[in-house]
Amino acid sequence: MSLDQIIQAAIAVVSAILGFIMRELWTAVQKLRADLSELQSTIPTLYVQKEDYKSDINRVHDFLDKIYDKLDRKIDK
């Protein structure tokens, strides 16, 4: 084997390794994109909606107001 053939074989091996790594990276990026799009569609269902939170907090405030009124009447007696 001549020096030229050894260099060409080394270049071929390095190119094959780099090609494999690039393909794996491309596959990983595609999977991340798919996961991100799925996450974007499921995030709104995982957390409390603003309207639901407001209505629940209003119910708690109403309940606390009733308790406060009862306590006021007890103190007045």
PDB file of N, CA and C in Angstrom:
ATOM      1  N   MET A   1       0.844  -1.178   0.000  1.00  0.00           N
ATOM      2  CA  MET A   1       0.000   0.000   0.000  1.00  0.00           C
ATOM      3  C   MET A   1       0.883   1.232   0.000  1.00  0.00           C
ATOM      4  N   SER A   2       0.490   2.158  -0.843  1.00  0.00           N
ATOM      5  CA  SER A   2       1.270   3.389  -0.917  1.00  0.00           C
ATOM      6  C   SER A   2       0.715   4.399   0.085  1.00  0.00           C
ATOM      7  N   LEU A   3       1.464   5.446   0.279  1.00  0.00           N
ATOM      8  CA  LEU A   3       1.071   6.499   1.216  1.00  0.00           C
ATOM      9  C   LEU A   3      -0.246   7.148   0.783  1.00  0.00           C
ATOM     10  N   ASP A   4      -0.438   7.304  -0.524  1.00  0.00           N
ATOM     11  CA  ASP A   4      -1.690   7.883  -1.036  1.00  0.00           C
ATOM     12  C   ASP A   4      -2.899   7.036  -0.642  1.00  0.00           C
ATOM     13  N   GLN A   5      -2.777   5.736  -0.763  1.00  0.00           N
ATOM     14  CA  GLN A   5      -3.888   4.843  -0.428  1.00  0.00           C
ATOM     15  C   GLN A   5      -4.186   4.865   1.070  1.00  0.00           C
ATOM     16  N   ILE A   6      -3.144   4.953   1.881  1.00  0.00           N
ATOM     17  CA  ILE A   6      -3.343   5.031   3.332  1.00  0.00           C
ATOM     18  C   ILE A   6      -4.061   6.319   3.708  1.00  0.00           C
ATOM     19  N   ILE A   7      -3.655   7.428   3.111  1.00  0.00           N
ATOM     20  CA  ILE A   7      -4.300   8.721   3.386  1.00  0.00           C
ATOM     21  C   ILE A   7      -5.752   8.687   2.932  1.00  0.00           C
ATOM     22  N   GLN A   8      -6.009   8.136   1.750  1.00  0.00           N
ATOM     23  CA  GLN A   8      -7.385   8.061   1.245  1.00  0.00           C
ATOM     24  C   GLN A   8      -8.246   7.157   2.129  1.00  0.00           C
ATOM     25  N   ALA A   9      -7.682   6.065   2.611  1.00  0.00           N
ATOM     26  CA  ALA A   9      -8.424   5.172   3.502  1.00  0.00           C
ATOM     27  C   ALA A   9      -8.729   5.873   4.818  1.00  0.00           C
ATOM     28  N   ALA A  10      -7.764   6.627   5.341  1.00  0.00           N
ATOM     29  CA  ALA A  10      -7.984   7.367   6.587  1.00  0.00           C
ATOM     30  C   ALA A  10      -9.059   8.425   6.390  1.00  0.00           C
ATOM     31  N   ILE A  11      -9.010   9.120   5.276  1.00  0.00           N
ATOM     32  CA  ILE A  11     -10.034  10.134   4.982  1.00  0.00           C
ATOM     33  C   ILE A  11     -11.409   9.469   4.863  1.00  0.00           C
ATOM     34  N   ALA A  12     -11.470   8.304   4.249  1.00  0.00           N
ATOM     35  CA  ALA A  12     -12.741   7.591   4.101  1.00  0.00           C
ATOM     36  C   ALA A  12     -13.290   7.179   5.462  1.00  0.00           C
ATOM     37  N   VAL A  13     -12.418   6.685   6.346  1.00  0.00           N
ATOM     38  CA  VAL A  13     -12.859   6.268   7.678  1.00  0.00           C
ATOM     39  C   VAL A  13     -13.340   7.478   8.479  1.00  0.00           C
ATOM     40  N   VAL A  14     -12.587   8.574   8.452  1.00  0.00           N
ATOM     41  CA  VAL A  14     -12.975   9.785   9.173  1.00  0.00           C
ATOM     42  C   VAL A  14     -14.282  10.330   8.617  1.00  0.00           C
ATOM     43  N   SER A  15     -14.432  10.320   7.297  1.00  0.00           N
ATOM     44  CA  SER A  15     -15.676  10.796   6.677  1.00  0.00           C
ATOM     45  C   SER A  15     -16.859   9.925   7.084  1.00  0.00           C
ATOM     46  N   ALA A  16     -16.653   8.615   7.146  1.00  0.00           N
ATOM     47  CA  ALA A  16     -17.737   7.720   7.547  1.00  0.00           C
ATOM     48  C   ALA A  16     -18.137   7.978   8.993  1.00  0.00           C
ATOM     49  N   ILE A  17     -17.163   8.179   9.859  1.00  0.00           N
ATOM     50  CA  ILE A  17     -17.459   8.459  11.269  1.00  0.00           C
ATOM     51  C   ILE A  17     -18.193   9.787  11.403  1.00  0.00           C
ATOM     52  N   LEU A  18     -17.710  10.817  10.718  1.00  0.00           N
ATOM     53  CA  LEU A  18     -18.382  12.124  10.768  1.00  0.00           C
ATOM     54  C   LEU A  18     -19.794  12.053  10.183  1.00  0.00           C
ATOM     55  N   GLY A  19     -19.956  11.286   9.118  1.00  0.00           N
ATOM     56  CA  GLY A  19     -21.287  11.117   8.522  1.00  0.00           C
ATOM     57  C   GLY A  19     -22.246  10.450   9.497  1.00  0.00           C
ATOM     58  N   PHE A  20     -21.775   9.434  10.201  1.00  0.00           N
ATOM     59  CA  PHE A  20     -22.606   8.748  11.186  1.00  0.00           C
ATOM     60  C   PHE A  20     -23.004   9.700  12.312  1.00  0.00           C
ATOM     61  N   ILE A  21     -22.038  10.464  12.803  1.00  0.00           N
ATOM     62  CA  ILE A  21     -22.313  11.421  13.881  1.00  0.00           C
ATOM     63  C   ILE A  21     -23.315  12.472  13.413  1.00  0.00           C
ATOM     64  N   MET A  22     -23.131  12.980  12.209  1.00  0.00           N
ATOM     65  CA  MET A  22     -24.059  13.994  11.687  1.00  0.00           C
ATOM     66  C   MET A  22     -25.468  13.421  11.533  1.00  0.00           C
ATOM     67  N   ARG A  23     -25.577  12.170  11.074  1.00  0.00           N
ATOM     68  CA  ARG A  23     -26.898  11.547  10.935  1.00  0.00           C
ATOM     69  C   ARG A  23     -27.567  11.386  12.296  1.00  0.00           C
ATOM     70  N   GLU A  24     -26.814  10.977  13.298  1.00  0.00           N
ATOM     71  CA  GLU A  24     -27.363  10.826  14.643  1.00  0.00           C
ATOM     72  C   GLU A  24     -27.807  12.175  15.206  1.00  0.00           C
ATOM     73  N   LEU A  25     -27.011  13.208  14.976  1.00  0.00           N
ATOM     74  CA  LEU A  25     -27.390  14.544  15.440  1.00  0.00           C
ATOM     75  C   LEU A  25     -28.654  15.025  14.730  1.00  0.00           C
ATOM     76  N   TRP A  26     -28.760  14.780  13.432  1.00  0.00           N
ATOM     77  CA  TRP A  26     -29.940  15.190  12.672  1.00  0.00           C
ATOM     78  C   TRP A  26     -31.188  14.472  13.203  1.00  0.00           C
ATOM     79  N   THR A  27     -31.057  13.181  13.484  1.00  0.00           N
ATOM     80  CA  THR A  27     -32.182  12.414  14.028  1.00  0.00           C
ATOM     81  C   THR A  27     -32.581  12.949  15.400  1.00  0.00           C
ATOM     82  N   ALA A  28     -31.593  13.281  16.223  1.00  0.00           N
ATOM     83  CA  ALA A  28     -31.884  13.814  17.555  1.00  0.00           C
ATOM     84  C   ALA A  28     -32.587  15.166  17.459  1.00  0.00           C
ATOM     85  N   VAL A  29     -32.159  16.014  16.544  1.00  0.00           N
ATOM     86  CA  VAL A  29     -32.790  17.327  16.373  1.00  0.00           C
ATOM     87  C   VAL A  29     -34.238  17.160  15.904  1.00  0.00           C
ATOM     88  N   GLN A  30     -34.471  16.234  14.990  1.00  0.00           N
ATOM     89  CA  GLN A  30     -35.845  15.994  14.528  1.00  0.00           C
ATOM     90  C   GLN A  30     -36.729  15.499  15.654  1.00  0.00           C
ATOM     91  N   LYS A  31     -36.205  14.617  16.504  1.00  0.00           N
ATOM     92  CA  LYS A  31     -36.978  14.112  17.638  1.00  0.00           C
ATOM     93  C   LYS A  31     -37.255  15.237  18.633  1.00  0.00           C
ATOM     94  N   LEU A  32     -36.278  16.098  18.870  1.00  0.00           N
ATOM     95  CA  LEU A  32     -36.498  17.242  19.765  1.00  0.00           C
ATOM     96  C   LEU A  32     -37.571  18.173  19.227  1.00  0.00           C
ATOM     97  N   ARG A  33     -37.566  18.397  17.927  1.00  0.00           N
ATOM     98  CA  ARG A  33     -38.604  19.245  17.323  1.00  0.00           C
ATOM     99  C   ARG A  33     -39.983  18.633  17.519  1.00  0.00           C
ATOM    100  N   ALA A  34     -40.090  17.331  17.319  1.00  0.00           N
ATOM    101  CA  ALA A  34     -41.382  16.657  17.502  1.00  0.00           C
ATOM    102  C   ALA A  34     -41.815  16.733  18.966  1.00  0.00           C
ATOM    103  N   ASP A  35     -40.876  16.501  19.880  1.00  0.00           N
ATOM    104  CA  ASP A  35     -41.207  16.587  21.304  1.00  0.00           C
ATOM    105  C   ASP A  35     -41.628  18.000  21.693  1.00  0.00           C
ATOM    106  N   LEU A  36     -40.960  18.991  21.145  1.00  0.00           N
ATOM    107  CA  LEU A  36     -41.302  20.381  21.458  1.00  0.00           C
ATOM    108  C   LEU A  36     -42.688  20.735  20.950  1.00  0.00           C
ATOM    109  N   SER A  37     -43.026  20.302  19.764  1.00  0.00           N
ATOM    110  CA  SER A  37     -44.364  20.613  19.251  1.00  0.00           C
ATOM    111  C   SER A  37     -45.439  19.903  20.068  1.00  0.00           C
ATOM    112  N   GLU A  38     -45.151  18.685  20.516  1.00  0.00           N
ATOM    113  CA  GLU A  38     -46.109  17.975  21.380  1.00  0.00           C
ATOM    114  C   GLU A  38     -46.247  18.685  22.719  1.00  0.00           C
ATOM    115  N   LEU A  39     -45.144  19.140  23.257  1.00  0.00           N
ATOM    116  CA  LEU A  39     -45.174  19.857  24.536  1.00  0.00           C
ATOM    117  C   LEU A  39     -45.959  21.157  24.414  1.00  0.00           C
ATOM    118  N   GLN A  40     -45.776  21.864  23.308  1.00  0.00           N
ATOM    119  CA  GLN A  40     -46.508  23.118  23.108  1.00  0.00           C
ATOM    120  C   GLN A  40     -48.012  22.876  23.043  1.00  0.00           C
ATOM    121  N   SER A  41     -48.414  21.733  22.546  1.00  0.00           N
ATOM    122  CA  SER A  41     -49.857  21.469  22.466  1.00  0.00           C
ATOM    123  C   SER A  41     -50.418  20.970  23.792  1.00  0.00           C
ATOM    124  N   THR A  42     -49.580  20.406  24.669  1.00  0.00           N
ATOM    125  CA  THR A  42     -50.102  19.881  25.930  1.00  0.00           C
ATOM    126  C   THR A  42     -49.938  20.837  27.102  1.00  0.00           C
ATOM    127  N   ILE A  43     -49.096  21.835  26.992  1.00  0.00           N
ATOM    128  CA  ILE A  43     -48.877  22.760  28.110  1.00  0.00           C
ATOM    129  C   ILE A  43     -50.162  23.452  28.561  1.00  0.00           C
ATOM    130  N   PRO A  44     -50.995  23.951  27.668  1.00  0.00           N
ATOM    131  CA  PRO A  44     -52.209  24.623  28.160  1.00  0.00           C
ATOM    132  C   PRO A  44     -53.141  23.735  28.973  1.00  0.00           C
ATOM    133  N   THR A  45     -53.066  22.450  28.793  1.00  0.00           N
ATOM    134  CA  THR A  45     -53.949  21.561  29.552  1.00  0.00           C
ATOM    135  C   THR A  45     -53.338  21.133  30.873  1.00  0.00           C
ATOM    136  N   LEU A  46     -52.050  21.348  31.059  1.00  0.00           N
ATOM    137  CA  LEU A  46     -51.385  20.918  32.287  1.00  0.00           C
ATOM    138  C   LEU A  46     -51.536  21.924  33.418  1.00  0.00           C
ATOM    139  N   TYR A  47     -51.724  23.169  33.093  1.00  0.00           N
ATOM    140  CA  TYR A  47     -51.771  24.208  34.111  1.00  0.00           C
ATOM    141  C   TYR A  47     -53.193  24.741  34.259  1.00  0.00           C
ATOM    142  N   VAL A  48     -53.450  25.423  35.349  1.00  0.00           N
ATOM    143  CA  VAL A  48     -54.767  25.981  35.603  1.00  0.00           C
ATOM    144  C   VAL A  48     -55.006  27.163  34.660  1.00  0.00           C
ATOM    145  N   GLN A  49     -56.159  27.156  34.069  1.00  0.00           N
ATOM    146  CA  GLN A  49     -56.511  28.273  33.194  1.00  0.00           C
ATOM    147  C   GLN A  49     -56.757  29.512  34.047  1.00  0.00           C
ATOM    148  N   LYS A  50     -56.499  30.664  33.490  1.00  0.00           N
ATOM    149  CA  LYS A  50     -56.639  31.917  34.231  1.00  0.00           C
ATOM    150  C   LYS A  50     -58.078  32.126  34.708  1.00  0.00           C
ATOM    151  N   GLU A  51     -59.039  31.814  33.866  1.00  0.00           N
ATOM    152  CA  GLU A  51     -60.442  32.003  34.234  1.00  0.00           C
ATOM    153  C   GLU A  51     -60.842  31.069  35.373  1.00  0.00           C
ATOM    154  N   ASP A  52     -60.378  29.831  35.301  1.00  0.00           N
ATOM    155  CA  ASP A  52     -60.685  28.874  36.371  1.00  0.00           C
ATOM    156  C   ASP A  52     -60.091  29.338  37.689  1.00  0.00           C
ATOM    157  N   TYR A  53     -58.867  29.831  37.631  1.00  0.00           N
ATOM    158  CA  TYR A  53     -58.197  30.318  38.842  1.00  0.00           C
ATOM    159  C   TYR A  53     -58.961  31.494  39.444  1.00  0.00           C
ATOM    160  N   LYS A  54     -59.389  32.426  38.590  1.00  0.00           N
ATOM    161  CA  LYS A  54     -60.118  33.589  39.093  1.00  0.00           C
ATOM    162  C   LYS A  54     -61.431  33.175  39.745  1.00  0.00           C
ATOM    163  N   SER A  55     -62.158  32.260  39.129  1.00  0.00           N
ATOM    164  CA  SER A  55     -63.444  31.858  39.704  1.00  0.00           C
ATOM    165  C   SER A  55     -63.242  31.123  41.029  1.00  0.00           C
ATOM    166  N   ASP A  56     -62.211  30.291  41.104  1.00  0.00           N
ATOM    167  CA  ASP A  56     -61.939  29.586  42.359  1.00  0.00           C
ATOM    168  C   ASP A  56     -61.522  30.548  43.460  1.00  0.00           C
ATOM    169  N   ILE A  57     -60.700  31.517  43.138  1.00  0.00           N
ATOM    170  CA  ILE A  57     -60.263  32.502  44.132  1.00  0.00           C
ATOM    171  C   ILE A  57     -61.448  33.349  44.589  1.00  0.00           C
ATOM    172  N   ASN A  58     -62.341  33.686  43.680  1.00  0.00           N
ATOM    173  CA  ASN A  58     -63.540  34.447  44.071  1.00  0.00           C
ATOM    174  C   ASN A  58     -64.407  33.640  45.037  1.00  0.00           C
ATOM    175  N   ARG A  59     -64.528  32.337  44.803  1.00  0.00           N
ATOM    176  CA  ARG A  59     -65.288  31.492  45.722  1.00  0.00           C
ATOM    177  C   ARG A  59     -64.636  31.464  47.101  1.00  0.00           C
ATOM    178  N   VAL A  60     -63.301  31.385  47.136  1.00  0.00           N
ATOM    179  CA  VAL A  60     -62.595  31.381  48.418  1.00  0.00           C
ATOM    180  C   VAL A  60     -62.805  32.712  49.138  1.00  0.00           C
ATOM    181  N   HIS A  61     -62.725  33.811  48.397  1.00  0.00           N
ATOM    182  CA  HIS A  61     -62.940  35.126  49.001  1.00  0.00           C
ATOM    183  C   HIS A  61     -64.354  35.250  49.561  1.00  0.00           C
ATOM    184  N   ASP A  62     -65.339  34.760  48.827  1.00  0.00           N
ATOM    185  CA  ASP A  62     -66.719  34.800  49.311  1.00  0.00           C
ATOM    186  C   ASP A  62     -66.861  33.990  50.599  1.00  0.00           C
ATOM    187  N   PHE A  63     -66.255  32.827  50.609  1.00  0.00           N
ATOM    188  CA  PHE A  63     -66.314  31.980  51.794  1.00  0.00           C
ATOM    189  C   PHE A  63     -65.642  32.662  52.989  1.00  0.00           C
ATOM    190  N   LEU A  64     -64.492  33.271  52.759  1.00  0.00           N
ATOM    191  CA  LEU A  64     -63.796  33.977  53.833  1.00  0.00           C
ATOM    192  C   LEU A  64     -64.603  35.187  54.318  1.00  0.00           C
ATOM    193  N   ASP A  65     -65.274  35.868  53.415  1.00  0.00           N
ATOM    194  CA  ASP A  65     -66.132  36.997  53.815  1.00  0.00           C
ATOM    195  C   ASP A  65     -67.263  36.526  54.725  1.00  0.00           C
ATOM    196  N   LYS A  66     -67.847  35.389  54.398  1.00  0.00           N
ATOM    197  CA  LYS A  66     -68.913  34.851  55.244  1.00  0.00           C
ATOM    198  C   LYS A  66     -68.386  34.514  56.634  1.00  0.00           C
ATOM    199  N   ILE A  67     -67.213  33.909  56.679  1.00  0.00           N
ATOM    200  CA  ILE A  67     -66.610  33.585  57.973  1.00  0.00           C
ATOM    201  C   ILE A  67     -66.329  34.861  58.763  1.00  0.00           C
ATOM    202  N   TYR A  68     -65.807  35.857  58.102  1.00  0.00           N
ATOM    203  CA  TYR A  68     -65.506  37.118  58.762  1.00  0.00           C
ATOM    204  C   TYR A  68     -66.779  37.767  59.306  1.00  0.00           C
ATOM    205  N   ASP A  69     -67.849  37.721  58.522  1.00  0.00           N
ATOM    206  CA  ASP A  69     -69.124  38.283  58.987  1.00  0.00           C
ATOM    207  C   ASP A  69     -69.643  37.534  60.211  1.00  0.00           C
ATOM    208  N   LYS A  70     -69.538  36.234  60.220  1.00  0.00           N
ATOM    209  CA  LYS A  70     -69.982  35.454  61.373  1.00  0.00           C
ATOM    210  C   LYS A  70     -69.145  35.788  62.600  1.00  0.00           C
ATOM    211  N   LEU A  71     -67.862  35.944  62.415  1.00  0.00           N
ATOM    212  CA  LEU A  71     -66.996  36.308  63.532  1.00  0.00           C
ATOM    213  C   LEU A  71     -67.335  37.698  64.057  1.00  0.00           C
ATOM    214  N   ASP A  72     -67.638  38.612  63.172  1.00  0.00           N
ATOM    215  CA  ASP A  72     -68.036  39.961  63.588  1.00  0.00           C
ATOM    216  C   ASP A  72     -69.309  39.919  64.440  1.00  0.00           C
ATOM    217  N   ARG A  73     -70.276  39.092  64.017  1.00  0.00           N
ATOM    218  CA  ARG A  73     -71.509  38.993  64.784  1.00  0.00           C
ATOM    219  C   ARG A  73     -71.265  38.354  66.145  1.00  0.00           C
ATOM    220  N   LYS A  74     -70.340  37.421  66.211  1.00  0.00           N
ATOM    221  CA  LYS A  74     -70.034  36.781  67.488  1.00  0.00           C
ATOM    222  C   LYS A  74     -69.369  37.787  68.437  1.00  0.00           C
ATOM    223  N   ILE A  75     -68.511  38.622  67.918  1.00  0.00           N
ATOM    224  CA  ILE A  75     -67.819  39.616  68.738  1.00  0.00           C
ATOM    225  C   ILE A  75     -68.803  40.663  69.250  1.00  0.00           C
ATOM    226  N   ASP A  76     -69.760  41.041  68.423  1.00  0.00           N
ATOM    227  CA  ASP A  76     -70.726  42.053  68.810  1.00  0.00           C
ATOM    228  C   ASP A  76     -71.616  41.585  69.943  1.00  0.00           C
ATOM    229  N   LYS A  77     -71.824  40.330  70.105  1.00  0.00           N
ATOM    230  CA  LYS A  77     -72.727  39.819  71.148  1.00  0.00           C
ATOM    231  C   LYS A  77     -72.120  39.894  72.485  1.00  0.00           C
TER     232      LYS A  77
END
